[in-house]
Amino acid sequence: MANTPQAKKRIRRNAARALVNGNRVGRIRTFVKKAEAALESGDKVAATAAMLQVQPELMRGVAKGVLHKNTASRKFARLTKRLTALA
């Protein structure tokens, strides 16, 4: 158990940041799922629109530190590959 005031504050801050970061990751997952659903449906217009929303969300996750840069790039590349396969 934390004894120092600094350690107690760190525990409080970690809990608060975990909530914020969890919401960020959840938001990113939602956009990725929407893009995957659009790709599954085969609708190229909807898939393109979804991809235009996914890319900034992934990069925002990288900027905020909740995703690794390569992870976001890999996810976007795989989605893009599936989008080009629709054509």
PDB file of N, CA and C in Angstrom:
ATOM      1  N   MET A   1       0.845  -1.184   0.000  1.00  0.00           N
ATOM      2  CA  MET A   1       0.000   0.000   0.000  1.00  0.00           C
ATOM      3  C   MET A   1       0.885   1.240   0.000  1.00  0.00           C
ATOM      4  N   ALA A   2       0.399   2.274  -0.669  1.00  0.00           N
ATOM      5  CA  ALA A   2       1.161   3.515  -0.785  1.00  0.00           C
ATOM      6  C   ALA A   2       1.224   4.221   0.577  1.00  0.00           C
ATOM      7  N   ASN A   3       2.413   4.683   0.927  1.00  0.00           N
ATOM      8  CA  ASN A   3       2.591   5.378   2.190  1.00  0.00           C
ATOM      9  C   ASN A   3       2.817   6.870   2.010  1.00  0.00           C
ATOM     10  N   THR A   4       3.533   7.245   0.986  1.00  0.00           N
ATOM     11  CA  THR A   4       3.861   8.656   0.815  1.00  0.00           C
ATOM     12  C   THR A   4       2.719   9.386   0.109  1.00  0.00           C
ATOM     13  N   PRO A   5       2.588  10.675   0.362  1.00  0.00           N
ATOM     14  CA  PRO A   5       1.557  11.460  -0.337  1.00  0.00           C
ATOM     15  C   PRO A   5       1.723  11.403  -1.856  1.00  0.00           C
ATOM     16  N   GLN A   6       2.981  11.385  -2.283  1.00  0.00           N
ATOM     17  CA  GLN A   6       3.248  11.329  -3.722  1.00  0.00           C
ATOM     18  C   GLN A   6       2.713  10.034  -4.327  1.00  0.00           C
ATOM     19  N   ALA A   7       2.926   8.920  -3.632  1.00  0.00           N
ATOM     20  CA  ALA A   7       2.456   7.627  -4.136  1.00  0.00           C
ATOM     21  C   ALA A   7       0.927   7.556  -4.123  1.00  0.00           C
ATOM     22  N   LYS A   8       0.313   8.161  -3.110  1.00  0.00           N
ATOM     23  CA  LYS A   8      -1.151   8.176  -3.048  1.00  0.00           C
ATOM     24  C   LYS A   8      -1.733   8.992  -4.196  1.00  0.00           C
ATOM     25  N   LYS A   9      -1.104  10.122  -4.471  1.00  0.00           N
ATOM     26  CA  LYS A   9      -1.567  10.956  -5.580  1.00  0.00           C
ATOM     27  C   LYS A   9      -1.379  10.218  -6.900  1.00  0.00           C
ATOM     28  N   ARG A  10      -0.280   9.514  -7.044  1.00  0.00           N
ATOM     29  CA  ARG A  10      -0.012   8.768  -8.270  1.00  0.00           C
ATOM     30  C   ARG A  10      -1.088   7.713  -8.503  1.00  0.00           C
ATOM     31  N   ILE A  11      -1.549   7.055  -7.446  1.00  0.00           N
ATOM     32  CA  ILE A  11      -2.610   6.061  -7.567  1.00  0.00           C
ATOM     33  C   ILE A  11      -3.890   6.719  -8.064  1.00  0.00           C
ATOM     34  N   ARG A  12      -4.219   7.889  -7.497  1.00  0.00           N
ATOM     35  CA  ARG A  12      -5.423   8.603  -7.936  1.00  0.00           C
ATOM     36  C   ARG A  12      -5.303   9.017  -9.396  1.00  0.00           C
ATOM     37  N   ARG A  13      -4.142   9.536  -9.774  1.00  0.00           N
ATOM     38  CA  ARG A  13      -3.935   9.977 -11.157  1.00  0.00           C
ATOM     39  C   ARG A  13      -3.979   8.811 -12.127  1.00  0.00           C
ATOM     40  N   ASN A  14      -3.393   7.677 -11.736  1.00  0.00           N
ATOM     41  CA  ASN A  14      -3.403   6.505 -12.614  1.00  0.00           C
ATOM     42  C   ASN A  14      -4.831   6.040 -12.876  1.00  0.00           C
ATOM     43  N   ALA A  15      -5.668   6.069 -11.850  1.00  0.00           N
ATOM     44  CA  ALA A  15      -7.058   5.643 -12.021  1.00  0.00           C
ATOM     45  C   ALA A  15      -7.799   6.587 -12.963  1.00  0.00           C
ATOM     46  N   ALA A  16      -7.561   7.878 -12.799  1.00  0.00           N
ATOM     47  CA  ALA A  16      -8.235   8.867 -13.649  1.00  0.00           C
ATOM     48  C   ALA A  16      -7.770   8.718 -15.101  1.00  0.00           C
ATOM     49  N   ARG A  17      -6.471   8.545 -15.298  1.00  0.00           N
ATOM     50  CA  ARG A  17      -5.945   8.418 -16.663  1.00  0.00           C
ATOM     51  C   ARG A  17      -6.409   7.125 -17.307  1.00  0.00           C
ATOM     52  N   ALA A  18      -6.562   6.068 -16.516  1.00  0.00           N
ATOM     53  CA  ALA A  18      -7.020   4.790 -17.057  1.00  0.00           C
ATOM     54  C   ALA A  18      -8.433   4.937 -17.627  1.00  0.00           C
ATOM     55  N   LEU A  19      -9.282   5.709 -16.958  1.00  0.00           N
ATOM     56  CA  LEU A  19     -10.626   5.956 -17.478  1.00  0.00           C
ATOM     57  C   LEU A  19     -10.580   6.695 -18.810  1.00  0.00           C
ATOM     58  N   VAL A  20      -9.781   7.754 -18.866  1.00  0.00           N
ATOM     59  CA  VAL A  20      -9.685   8.560 -20.081  1.00  0.00           C
ATOM     60  C   VAL A  20      -9.107   7.733 -21.225  1.00  0.00           C
ATOM     61  N   ASN A  21      -8.028   7.023 -20.947  1.00  0.00           N
ATOM     62  CA  ASN A  21      -7.381   6.233 -21.995  1.00  0.00           C
ATOM     63  C   ASN A  21      -8.277   5.083 -22.451  1.00  0.00           C
ATOM     64  N   GLY A  22      -9.017   4.497 -21.526  1.00  0.00           N
ATOM     65  CA  GLY A  22      -9.945   3.433 -21.901  1.00  0.00           C
ATOM     66  C   GLY A  22     -11.021   3.936 -22.835  1.00  0.00           C
ATOM     67  N   ASN A  23     -11.520   5.143 -22.567  1.00  0.00           N
ATOM     68  CA  ASN A  23     -12.516   5.740 -23.447  1.00  0.00           C
ATOM     69  C   ASN A  23     -11.931   6.026 -24.818  1.00  0.00           C
ATOM     70  N   ARG A  24     -10.690   6.468 -24.859  1.00  0.00           N
ATOM     71  CA  ARG A  24     -10.045   6.746 -26.147  1.00  0.00           C
ATOM     72  C   ARG A  24      -9.895   5.474 -26.972  1.00  0.00           C
ATOM     73  N   VAL A  25      -9.432   4.418 -26.337  1.00  0.00           N
ATOM     74  CA  VAL A  25      -9.243   3.144 -27.044  1.00  0.00           C
ATOM     75  C   VAL A  25     -10.594   2.612 -27.514  1.00  0.00           C
ATOM     76  N   GLY A  26     -11.619   2.755 -26.677  1.00  0.00           N
ATOM     77  CA  GLY A  26     -12.954   2.308 -27.053  1.00  0.00           C
ATOM     78  C   GLY A  26     -13.488   3.063 -28.256  1.00  0.00           C
ATOM     79  N   ARG A  27     -13.233   4.358 -28.293  1.00  0.00           N
ATOM     80  CA  ARG A  27     -13.668   5.179 -29.430  1.00  0.00           C
ATOM     81  C   ARG A  27     -12.970   4.727 -30.711  1.00  0.00           C
ATOM     82  N   ILE A  28     -11.684   4.448 -30.607  1.00  0.00           N
ATOM     83  CA  ILE A  28     -10.935   3.979 -31.774  1.00  0.00           C
ATOM     84  C   ILE A  28     -11.494   2.646 -32.257  1.00  0.00           C
ATOM     85  N   ARG A  29     -11.752   1.733 -31.322  1.00  0.00           N
ATOM     86  CA  ARG A  29     -12.294   0.423 -31.680  1.00  0.00           C
ATOM     87  C   ARG A  29     -13.644   0.549 -32.375  1.00  0.00           C
ATOM     88  N   THR A  30     -14.456   1.498 -31.912  1.00  0.00           N
ATOM     89  CA  THR A  30     -15.767   1.708 -32.524  1.00  0.00           C
ATOM     90  C   THR A  30     -15.615   2.114 -33.985  1.00  0.00           C
ATOM     91  N   PHE A  31     -14.717   3.046 -34.267  1.00  0.00           N
ATOM     92  CA  PHE A  31     -14.511   3.489 -35.639  1.00  0.00           C
ATOM     93  C   PHE A  31     -13.958   2.359 -36.501  1.00  0.00           C
ATOM     94  N   VAL A  32     -13.060   1.568 -35.942  1.00  0.00           N
ATOM     95  CA  VAL A  32     -12.498   0.439 -36.701  1.00  0.00           C
ATOM     96  C   VAL A  32     -13.592  -0.574 -37.010  1.00  0.00           C
ATOM     97  N   LYS A  33     -14.455  -0.843 -36.046  1.00  0.00           N
ATOM     98  CA  LYS A  33     -15.547  -1.798 -36.274  1.00  0.00           C
ATOM     99  C   LYS A  33     -16.512  -1.291 -37.330  1.00  0.00           C
ATOM    100  N   LYS A  34     -16.790   0.019 -37.339  1.00  0.00           N
ATOM    101  CA  LYS A  34     -17.662   0.586 -38.369  1.00  0.00           C
ATOM    102  C   LYS A  34     -17.037   0.404 -39.752  1.00  0.00           C
ATOM    103  N   ALA A  35     -15.738   0.621 -39.836  1.00  0.00           N
ATOM    104  CA  ALA A  35     -15.049   0.443 -41.114  1.00  0.00           C
ATOM    105  C   ALA A  35     -15.081  -1.025 -41.537  1.00  0.00           C
ATOM    106  N   GLU A  36     -14.865  -1.928 -40.589  1.00  0.00           N
ATOM    107  CA  GLU A  36     -14.894  -3.356 -40.914  1.00  0.00           C
ATOM    108  C   GLU A  36     -16.287  -3.774 -41.364  1.00  0.00           C
ATOM    109  N   ALA A  37     -17.320  -3.250 -40.722  1.00  0.00           N
ATOM    110  CA  ALA A  37     -18.685  -3.573 -41.113  1.00  0.00           C
ATOM    111  C   ALA A  37     -18.983  -3.065 -42.522  1.00  0.00           C
ATOM    112  N   ALA A  38     -18.505  -1.872 -42.833  1.00  0.00           N
ATOM    113  CA  ALA A  38     -18.711  -1.320 -44.176  1.00  0.00           C
ATOM    114  C   ALA A  38     -17.970  -2.157 -45.215  1.00  0.00           C
ATOM    115  N   LEU A  39     -16.776  -2.633 -44.859  1.00  0.00           N
ATOM    116  CA  LEU A  39     -16.022  -3.481 -45.778  1.00  0.00           C
ATOM    117  C   LEU A  39     -16.717  -4.820 -45.972  1.00  0.00           C
ATOM    118  N   GLU A  40     -17.286  -5.369 -44.897  1.00  0.00           N
ATOM    119  CA  GLU A  40     -17.996  -6.643 -44.986  1.00  0.00           C
ATOM    120  C   GLU A  40     -19.224  -6.533 -45.881  1.00  0.00           C
ATOM    121  N   SER A  41     -19.899  -5.375 -45.811  1.00  0.00           N
ATOM    122  CA  SER A  41     -21.111  -5.207 -46.608  1.00  0.00           C
ATOM    123  C   SER A  41     -20.794  -5.106 -48.097  1.00  0.00           C
ATOM    124  N   GLY A  42     -19.566  -4.728 -48.419  1.00  0.00           N
ATOM    125  CA  GLY A  42     -19.170  -4.616 -49.824  1.00  0.00           C
ATOM    126  C   GLY A  42     -19.502  -3.272 -50.440  1.00  0.00           C
ATOM    127  N   ASP A  43     -20.011  -2.341 -49.640  1.00  0.00           N
ATOM    128  CA  ASP A  43     -20.351  -1.011 -50.132  1.00  0.00           C
ATOM    129  C   ASP A  43     -19.100  -0.149 -50.147  1.00  0.00           C
ATOM    130  N   LYS A  44     -18.579   0.096 -51.338  1.00  0.00           N
ATOM    131  CA  LYS A  44     -17.311   0.814 -51.443  1.00  0.00           C
ATOM    132  C   LYS A  44     -17.432   2.269 -50.986  1.00  0.00           C
ATOM    133  N   VAL A  45     -18.563   2.902 -51.265  1.00  0.00           N
ATOM    134  CA  VAL A  45     -18.746   4.306 -50.867  1.00  0.00           C
ATOM    135  C   VAL A  45     -18.760   4.421 -49.342  1.00  0.00           C
ATOM    136  N   ALA A  46     -19.523   3.555 -48.688  1.00  0.00           N
ATOM    137  CA  ALA A  46     -19.587   3.596 -47.224  1.00  0.00           C
ATOM    138  C   ALA A  46     -18.243   3.224 -46.616  1.00  0.00           C
ATOM    139  N   ALA A  47     -17.561   2.254 -47.227  1.00  0.00           N
ATOM    140  CA  ALA A  47     -16.257   1.838 -46.713  1.00  0.00           C
ATOM    141  C   ALA A  47     -15.236   2.971 -46.842  1.00  0.00           C
ATOM    142  N   THR A  48     -15.273   3.679 -47.947  1.00  0.00           N
ATOM    143  CA  THR A  48     -14.350   4.804 -48.143  1.00  0.00           C
ATOM    144  C   THR A  48     -14.619   5.897 -47.113  1.00  0.00           C
ATOM    145  N   ALA A  49     -15.901   6.183 -46.877  1.00  0.00           N
ATOM    146  CA  ALA A  49     -16.256   7.204 -45.880  1.00  0.00           C
ATOM    147  C   ALA A  49     -15.800   6.771 -44.491  1.00  0.00           C
ATOM    148  N   ALA A  50     -15.970   5.495 -44.179  1.00  0.00           N
ATOM    149  CA  ALA A  50     -15.547   4.991 -42.868  1.00  0.00           C
ATOM    150  C   ALA A  50     -14.033   5.070 -42.722  1.00  0.00           C
ATOM    151  N   MET A  51     -13.314   4.780 -43.804  1.00  0.00           N
ATOM    152  CA  MET A  51     -11.851   4.835 -43.748  1.00  0.00           C
ATOM    153  C   MET A  51     -11.364   6.264 -43.521  1.00  0.00           C
ATOM    154  N   LEU A  52     -12.089   7.231 -44.071  1.00  0.00           N
ATOM    155  CA  LEU A  52     -11.712   8.627 -43.866  1.00  0.00           C
ATOM    156  C   LEU A  52     -11.897   9.045 -42.409  1.00  0.00           C
ATOM    157  N   GLN A  53     -12.740   8.325 -41.668  1.00  0.00           N
ATOM    158  CA  GLN A  53     -12.923   8.606 -40.244  1.00  0.00           C
ATOM    159  C   GLN A  53     -11.941   7.819 -39.385  1.00  0.00           C
ATOM    160  N   VAL A  54     -11.574   6.630 -39.831  1.00  0.00           N
ATOM    161  CA  VAL A  54     -10.708   5.761 -39.027  1.00  0.00           C
ATOM    162  C   VAL A  54      -9.297   6.323 -38.929  1.00  0.00           C
ATOM    163  N   GLN A  55      -8.758   6.774 -40.033  1.00  0.00           N
ATOM    164  CA  GLN A  55      -7.351   7.193 -40.060  1.00  0.00           C
ATOM    165  C   GLN A  55      -7.054   8.311 -39.051  1.00  0.00           C
ATOM    166  N   PRO A  56      -7.840   9.383 -38.992  1.00  0.00           N
ATOM    167  CA  PRO A  56      -7.530  10.414 -37.986  1.00  0.00           C
ATOM    168  C   PRO A  56      -7.690   9.906 -36.551  1.00  0.00           C
ATOM    169  N   GLU A  57      -8.656   9.019 -36.324  1.00  0.00           N
ATOM    170  CA  GLU A  57      -8.841   8.477 -34.973  1.00  0.00           C
ATOM    171  C   GLU A  57      -7.631   7.654 -34.546  1.00  0.00           C
ATOM    172  N   LEU A  58      -7.124   6.835 -35.464  1.00  0.00           N
ATOM    173  CA  LEU A  58      -5.929   6.043 -35.144  1.00  0.00           C
ATOM    174  C   LEU A  58      -4.742   6.952 -34.848  1.00  0.00           C
ATOM    175  N   MET A  59      -4.553   7.966 -35.663  1.00  0.00           N
ATOM    176  CA  MET A  59      -3.420   8.869 -35.464  1.00  0.00           C
ATOM    177  C   MET A  59      -3.576   9.694 -34.182  1.00  0.00           C
ATOM    178  N   ARG A  60      -4.821  10.023 -33.836  1.00  0.00           N
ATOM    179  CA  ARG A  60      -5.053  10.740 -32.582  1.00  0.00           C
ATOM    180  C   ARG A  60      -4.699   9.845 -31.403  1.00  0.00           C
ATOM    181  N   GLY A  61      -4.999   8.561 -31.526  1.00  0.00           N
ATOM    182  CA  GLY A  61      -4.625   7.610 -30.490  1.00  0.00           C
ATOM    183  C   GLY A  61      -3.125   7.526 -30.321  1.00  0.00           C
ATOM    184  N   VAL A  62      -2.408   7.604 -31.438  1.00  0.00           N
ATOM    185  CA  VAL A  62      -0.943   7.602 -31.381  1.00  0.00           C
ATOM    186  C   VAL A  62      -0.451   8.879 -30.692  1.00  0.00           C
ATOM    187  N   ALA A  63      -1.033  10.005 -31.074  1.00  0.00           N
ATOM    188  CA  ALA A  63      -0.603  11.287 -30.506  1.00  0.00           C
ATOM    189  C   ALA A  63      -0.871  11.346 -29.004  1.00  0.00           C
ATOM    190  N   LYS A  64      -1.965  10.735 -28.562  1.00  0.00           N
ATOM    191  CA  LYS A  64      -2.308  10.752 -27.147  1.00  0.00           C
ATOM    192  C   LYS A  64      -1.576   9.674 -26.356  1.00  0.00           C
ATOM    193  N   GLY A  65      -0.922   8.761 -27.047  1.00  0.00           N
ATOM    194  CA  GLY A  65      -0.111   7.769 -26.361  1.00  0.00           C
ATOM    195  C   GLY A  65      -0.847   6.499 -25.967  1.00  0.00           C
ATOM    196  N   VAL A  66      -2.035   6.264 -26.522  1.00  0.00           N
ATOM    197  CA  VAL A  66      -2.763   5.044 -26.165  1.00  0.00           C
ATOM    198  C   VAL A  66      -2.513   3.916 -27.170  1.00  0.00           C
ATOM    199  N   LEU A  67      -1.948   4.256 -28.320  1.00  0.00           N
ATOM    200  CA  LEU A  67      -1.596   3.257 -29.330  1.00  0.00           C
ATOM    201  C   LEU A  67      -0.155   3.480 -29.754  1.00  0.00           C
ATOM    202  N   HIS A  68       0.502   2.407 -30.090  1.00  0.00           N
ATOM    203  CA  HIS A  68       1.836   2.518 -30.666  1.00  0.00           C
ATOM    204  C   HIS A  68       1.700   2.905 -32.132  1.00  0.00           C
ATOM    205  N   LYS A  69       2.650   3.658 -32.622  1.00  0.00           N
ATOM    206  CA  LYS A  69       2.602   4.146 -33.997  1.00  0.00           C
ATOM    207  C   LYS A  69       2.493   3.003 -34.999  1.00  0.00           C
ATOM    208  N   ASN A  70       3.282   1.956 -34.793  1.00  0.00           N
ATOM    209  CA  ASN A  70       3.267   0.826 -35.731  1.00  0.00           C
ATOM    210  C   ASN A  70       1.955   0.050 -35.664  1.00  0.00           C
ATOM    211  N   THR A  71       1.353  -0.016 -34.491  1.00  0.00           N
ATOM    212  CA  THR A  71       0.069  -0.698 -34.351  1.00  0.00           C
ATOM    213  C   THR A  71      -0.997   0.017 -35.171  1.00  0.00           C
ATOM    214  N   ALA A  72      -1.047   1.333 -35.053  1.00  0.00           N
ATOM    215  CA  ALA A  72      -2.025   2.114 -35.805  1.00  0.00           C
ATOM    216  C   ALA A  72      -1.772   1.987 -37.301  1.00  0.00           C
ATOM    217  N   SER A  73      -0.517   2.041 -37.702  1.00  0.00           N
ATOM    218  CA  SER A  73      -0.177   1.919 -39.114  1.00  0.00           C
ATOM    219  C   SER A  73      -0.563   0.549 -39.648  1.00  0.00           C
ATOM    220  N   ARG A  74      -0.324  -0.486 -38.865  1.00  0.00           N
ATOM    221  CA  ARG A  74      -0.672  -1.844 -39.287  1.00  0.00           C
ATOM    222  C   ARG A  74      -2.181  -1.991 -39.455  1.00  0.00           C
ATOM    223  N   LYS A  75      -2.951  -1.482 -38.494  1.00  0.00           N
ATOM    224  CA  LYS A  75      -4.405  -1.571 -38.580  1.00  0.00           C
ATOM    225  C   LYS A  75      -4.921  -0.838 -39.819  1.00  0.00           C
ATOM    226  N   PHE A  76      -4.412   0.363 -40.041  1.00  0.00           N
ATOM    227  CA  PHE A  76      -4.872   1.142 -41.181  1.00  0.00           C
ATOM    228  C   PHE A  76      -4.458   0.489 -42.493  1.00  0.00           C
ATOM    229  N   ALA A  77      -3.263  -0.059 -42.545  1.00  0.00           N
ATOM    230  CA  ALA A  77      -2.795  -0.708 -43.771  1.00  0.00           C
ATOM    231  C   ALA A  77      -3.656  -1.922 -44.107  1.00  0.00           C
ATOM    232  N   ARG A  78      -4.015  -2.690 -43.113  1.00  0.00           N
ATOM    233  CA  ARG A  78      -4.841  -3.880 -43.352  1.00  0.00           C
ATOM    234  C   ARG A  78      -6.235  -3.499 -43.811  1.00  0.00           C
ATOM    235  N   LEU A  79      -6.788  -2.435 -43.218  1.00  0.00           N
ATOM    236  CA  LEU A  79      -8.098  -1.970 -43.662  1.00  0.00           C
ATOM    237  C   LEU A  79      -8.033  -1.429 -45.086  1.00  0.00           C
ATOM    238  N   THR A  80      -6.974  -0.694 -45.390  1.00  0.00           N
ATOM    239  CA  THR A  80      -6.801  -0.142 -46.733  1.00  0.00           C
ATOM    240  C   THR A  80      -6.657  -1.247 -47.759  1.00  0.00           C
ATOM    241  N   LYS A  81      -5.936  -2.289 -47.400  1.00  0.00           N
ATOM    242  CA  LYS A  81      -5.758  -3.423 -48.300  1.00  0.00           C
ATOM    243  C   LYS A  81      -7.108  -4.074 -48.622  1.00  0.00           C
ATOM    244  N   ARG A  82      -7.951  -4.206 -47.606  1.00  0.00           N
ATOM    245  CA  ARG A  82      -9.277  -4.771 -47.827  1.00  0.00           C
ATOM    246  C   ARG A  82     -10.146  -3.834 -48.679  1.00  0.00           C
ATOM    247  N   LEU A  83      -9.959  -2.523 -48.506  1.00  0.00           N
ATOM    248  CA  LEU A  83     -10.734  -1.562 -49.287  1.00  0.00           C
ATOM    249  C   LEU A  83     -10.349  -1.638 -50.762  1.00  0.00           C
ATOM    250  N   THR A  84      -9.066  -1.724 -51.037  1.00  0.00           N
ATOM    251  CA  THR A  84      -8.636  -1.810 -52.434  1.00  0.00           C
ATOM    252  C   THR A  84      -9.047  -3.141 -53.062  1.00  0.00           C
ATOM    253  N   ALA A  85      -9.219  -4.168 -52.252  1.00  0.00           N
ATOM    254  CA  ALA A  85      -9.654  -5.466 -52.779  1.00  0.00           C
ATOM    255  C   ALA A  85     -11.117  -5.418 -53.209  1.00  0.00           C
ATOM    256  N   LEU A  86     -11.896  -4.449 -52.686  1.00  0.00           N
ATOM    257  CA  LEU A  86     -13.291  -4.328 -53.092  1.00  0.00           C
ATOM    258  C   LEU A  86     -13.400  -3.921 -54.547  1.00  0.00           C
ATOM    259  N   ALA A  87     -12.442  -3.170 -55.032  1.00  0.00           N
ATOM    260  CA  ALA A  87     -12.481  -2.687 -56.418  1.00  0.00           C
ATOM    261  C   ALA A  87     -12.135  -3.803 -57.356  1.00  0.00           C
TER     262      ALA A  87
END
